[in-house]
C-alpha atoms as a PDB file:
ATOM      1  CA  UNK A   1     129.145  98.657  89.637  1.00  0.00           C
ATOM      2  CA  UNK A   2     125.241  98.128  89.087  1.00  0.00           C
ATOM      3  CA  UNK A   3     125.983  94.150  88.179  1.00  0.00           C
ATOM      4  CA  UNK A   4     127.893  93.778  91.201  1.00  0.00           C
ATOM      5  CA  UNK A   5     125.180  95.241  93.504  1.00  0.00           C
ATOM      6  CA  UNK A   6     122.527  93.262  91.933  1.00  0.00           C
ATOM      7  CA  UNK A   7     124.721  89.981  92.459  1.00  0.00           C
ATOM      8  CA  UNK A   8     125.180  90.770  96.145  1.00  0.00           C
ATOM      9  CA  UNK A   9     121.449  91.214  96.671  1.00  0.00           C
ATOM     10  CA  UNK A  10     120.582  88.010  95.016  1.00  0.00           C
ATOM     11  CA  UNK A  11     123.313  86.077  97.066  1.00  0.00           C
ATOM     12  CA  UNK A  12     121.954  87.676 100.423  1.00  0.00           C
ATOM     13  CA  UNK A  13     118.522  86.298  99.234  1.00  0.00           C
ATOM     14  CA  UNK A  14     120.013  83.142  98.644  1.00  0.00           C
ATOM     15  CA  UNK A  15     121.684  82.690 101.778  1.00  0.00           C
ATOM     16  CA  UNK A  16     118.901  83.694 103.875  1.00  0.00           C
ATOM     17  CA  UNK A  17     116.391  81.272 101.985  1.00  0.00           C
ATOM     18  CA  UNK A  18     118.910  78.315 102.669  1.00  0.00           C
ATOM     19  CA  UNK A  19     120.297  78.943 106.096  1.00  0.00           C
ATOM     20  CA  UNK A  20     118.700  76.890 109.023  1.00  0.00           C
ATOM     21  CA  UNK A  21     115.439  78.700 109.993  1.00  0.00           C
ATOM     22  CA  UNK A  22     112.900  78.661 112.843  1.00  0.00           C
ATOM     23  CA  UNK A  23     109.930  79.945 110.917  1.00  0.00           C
ATOM     24  CA  UNK A  24     106.836  81.055 112.837  1.00  0.00           C
ATOM     25  CA  UNK A  25     103.571  82.381 111.530  1.00  0.00           C
ATOM     26  CA  UNK A  26     103.517  86.110 111.691  1.00  0.00           C
ATOM     27  CA  UNK A  27     100.266  88.044 112.418  1.00  0.00           C
ATOM     28  CA  UNK A  28      99.565  89.966 109.143  1.00  0.00           C
ATOM     29  CA  UNK A  29      98.711  93.128 111.633  1.00  0.00           C
ATOM     30  CA  UNK A  30     102.341  92.961 112.744  1.00  0.00           C
ATOM     31  CA  UNK A  31     103.125  94.496 109.513  1.00  0.00           C
ATOM     32  CA  UNK A  32     101.601  97.897 110.270  1.00  0.00           C
ATOM     33  CA  UNK A  33     104.413 100.647 110.524  1.00  0.00           C
ATOM     34  CA  UNK A  34     107.528  98.517 109.456  1.00  0.00           C
ATOM     35  CA  UNK A  35     109.819  99.021 106.980  1.00  0.00           C
ATOM     36  CA  UNK A  36     110.845  95.724 104.986  1.00  0.00           C
ATOM     37  CA  UNK A  37     114.125  95.827 102.736  1.00  0.00           C
ATOM     38  CA  UNK A  38     113.762  93.498  99.558  1.00  0.00           C
ATOM     39  CA  UNK A  39     116.104  92.768  96.902  1.00  0.00           C
ATOM     40  CA  UNK A  40     114.137  95.383  94.779  1.00  0.00           C
ATOM     41  CA  UNK A  41     114.020  97.998  97.362  1.00  0.00           C
ATOM     42  CA  UNK A  42     112.311  99.160 100.653  1.00  0.00           C
ATOM     43  CA  UNK A  43     108.487  98.936 101.360  1.00  0.00           C
ATOM     44  CA  UNK A  44     106.629 100.881 104.138  1.00  0.00           C
ATOM     45  CA  UNK A  45     103.416  99.107 105.518  1.00  0.00           C
ATOM     46  CA  UNK A  46     101.119 101.870 106.826  1.00  0.00           C
ATOM     47  CA  UNK A  47      98.510 101.084 109.502  1.00  0.00           C
ATOM     48  CA  UNK A  48      95.904 102.614 106.827  1.00  0.00           C
ATOM     49  CA  UNK A  49      96.281  99.715 104.621  1.00  0.00           C
ATOM     50  CA  UNK A  50      98.452 101.584 102.102  1.00  0.00           C
ATOM     51  CA  UNK A  51     101.855 100.443 101.241  1.00  0.00           C
ATOM     52  CA  UNK A  52     104.762 102.417  99.583  1.00  0.00           C
ATOM     53  CA  UNK A  53     107.542 100.643  97.772  1.00  0.00           C
ATOM     54  CA  UNK A  54     110.567 102.876  96.939  1.00  0.00           C
ATOM     55  CA  UNK A  55     113.022 100.987  94.635  1.00  0.00           C
ATOM     56  CA  UNK A  56     116.637 100.879  95.145  1.00  0.00           C
ATOM     57  CA  UNK A  57     118.741 103.671  93.166  1.00  0.00           C
ATOM     58  CA  UNK A  58     120.390 100.970  91.080  1.00  0.00           C
ATOM     59  CA  UNK A  59     117.592  98.782  90.135  1.00  0.00           C
ATOM     60  CA  UNK A  60     117.393  98.996  86.324  1.00  0.00           C
ATOM     61  CA  UNK A  61     113.746  97.959  86.282  1.00  0.00           C
ATOM     62  CA  UNK A  62     112.360 100.531  88.658  1.00  0.00           C
ATOM     63  CA  UNK A  63     110.188 103.550  87.597  1.00  0.00           C
ATOM     64  CA  UNK A  64     110.159 105.249  90.836  1.00  0.00           C
ATOM     65  CA  UNK A  65     108.018 104.899  94.005  1.00  0.00           C
ATOM     66  CA  UNK A  66     104.908 103.005  93.718  1.00  0.00           C
ATOM     67  CA  UNK A  67     101.814 103.001  95.998  1.00  0.00           C
ATOM     68  CA  UNK A  68      99.629  99.825  96.807  1.00  0.00           C
ATOM     69  CA  UNK A  69      97.272  98.495  99.311  1.00  0.00           C
ATOM     70  CA  UNK A  70      97.531  95.645 101.736  1.00  0.00           C
ATOM     71  CA  UNK A  71      95.109  93.888 104.157  1.00  0.00           C
ATOM     72  CA  UNK A  72      94.608  90.730 105.904  1.00  0.00           C
ATOM     73  CA  UNK A  73      91.965  88.018 104.452  1.00  0.00           C
ATOM     74  CA  UNK A  74      91.425  84.852 106.348  1.00  0.00           C
ATOM     75  CA  UNK A  75      94.742  85.282 108.212  1.00  0.00           C
ATOM     76  CA  UNK A  76      96.794  85.999 105.062  1.00  0.00           C
ATOM     77  CA  UNK A  77      98.584  88.938 103.582  1.00  0.00           C
ATOM     78  CA  UNK A  78      97.087  90.261 100.649  1.00  0.00           C
ATOM     79  CA  UNK A  79      98.386  93.110  98.301  1.00  0.00           C
ATOM     80  CA  UNK A  80      97.107  94.990  95.426  1.00  0.00           C
ATOM     81  CA  UNK A  81      99.392  97.077  93.049  1.00  0.00           C
ATOM     82  CA  UNK A  82      97.679  99.534  90.926  1.00  0.00           C
ATOM     83  CA  UNK A  83      96.809  99.451  87.852  1.00  0.00           C
ATOM     84  CA  UNK A  84      96.332  95.813  88.439  1.00  0.00           C
ATOM     85  CA  UNK A  85      92.767  95.340  90.324  1.00  0.00           C
ATOM     86  CA  UNK A  86      93.626  91.775  91.352  1.00  0.00           C
ATOM     87  CA  UNK A  87      94.525  90.964  95.010  1.00  0.00           C
ATOM     88  CA  UNK A  88      97.345  88.617  95.500  1.00  0.00           C
ATOM     89  CA  UNK A  89      97.389  86.691  99.018  1.00  0.00           C
ATOM     90  CA  UNK A  90     100.459  85.246 100.725  1.00  0.00           C
ATOM     91  CA  UNK A  91     101.272  83.204 104.039  1.00  0.00           C
ATOM     92  CA  UNK A  92     103.501  85.142 106.091  1.00  0.00           C
ATOM     93  CA  UNK A  93     106.244  83.928 108.382  1.00  0.00           C
ATOM     94  CA  UNK A  94     108.968  85.273 110.489  1.00  0.00           C
ATOM     95  CA  UNK A  95     112.418  84.151 111.622  1.00  0.00           C
ATOM     96  CA  UNK A  96     113.938  87.291 113.620  1.00  0.00           C
ATOM     97  CA  UNK A  97     114.152  90.322 111.354  1.00  0.00           C
ATOM     98  CA  UNK A  98     113.472  87.910 108.295  1.00  0.00           C
ATOM     99  CA  UNK A  99     109.985  87.979 106.807  1.00  0.00           C
ATOM    100  CA  UNK A 100     108.801  85.196 104.332  1.00  0.00           C
ATOM    101  CA  UNK A 101     106.114  85.951 102.014  1.00  0.00           C
ATOM    102  CA  UNK A 102     104.899  82.494 100.714  1.00  0.00           C
ATOM    103  CA  UNK A 103     102.690  82.430  97.458  1.00  0.00           C
ATOM    104  CA  UNK A 104     100.061  79.518  96.599  1.00  0.00           C
ATOM    105  CA  UNK A 105     102.336  78.320  94.117  1.00  0.00           C
ATOM    106  CA  UNK A 106     105.336  77.917  96.432  1.00  0.00           C
ATOM    107  CA  UNK A 107     107.249  80.741  95.418  1.00  0.00           C
ATOM    108  CA  UNK A 108     108.804  82.954  98.188  1.00  0.00           C
ATOM    109  CA  UNK A 109     110.042  86.236  98.618  1.00  0.00           C
ATOM    110  CA  UNK A 110     112.355  87.288 101.573  1.00  0.00           C
ATOM    111  CA  UNK A 111     112.787  90.618 103.211  1.00  0.00           C
ATOM    112  CA  UNK A 112     114.458  92.074 106.141  1.00  0.00           C
ATOM    113  CA  UNK A 113     112.667  94.343 108.862  1.00  0.00           C
ATOM    114  CA  UNK A 114     114.650  97.408 109.205  1.00  0.00           C
END
């Protein structure tokens, strides 16, 4: 069952990544108050700059909810997840309810606004 749920999540992300898209830059401030579902779980972006990630119950790599920080730097979304002190920044795009976080190395993470 766990394996099946994980496979479904991967397939959904794959379909979202390769469908025809109309990506538009998303202002980082628009994240405030949103819940975004990722393959790993649900993340809430508080207007205060805090962020809470709640992993899926069937995620074998999860250790429970984690708190982090987010902010805008030069128009980019940046996040920090303690105990790591390093801030990682991403370009932020949106196509309807789908949000794309693009890293400097070209890697992408897709999420769905709930």
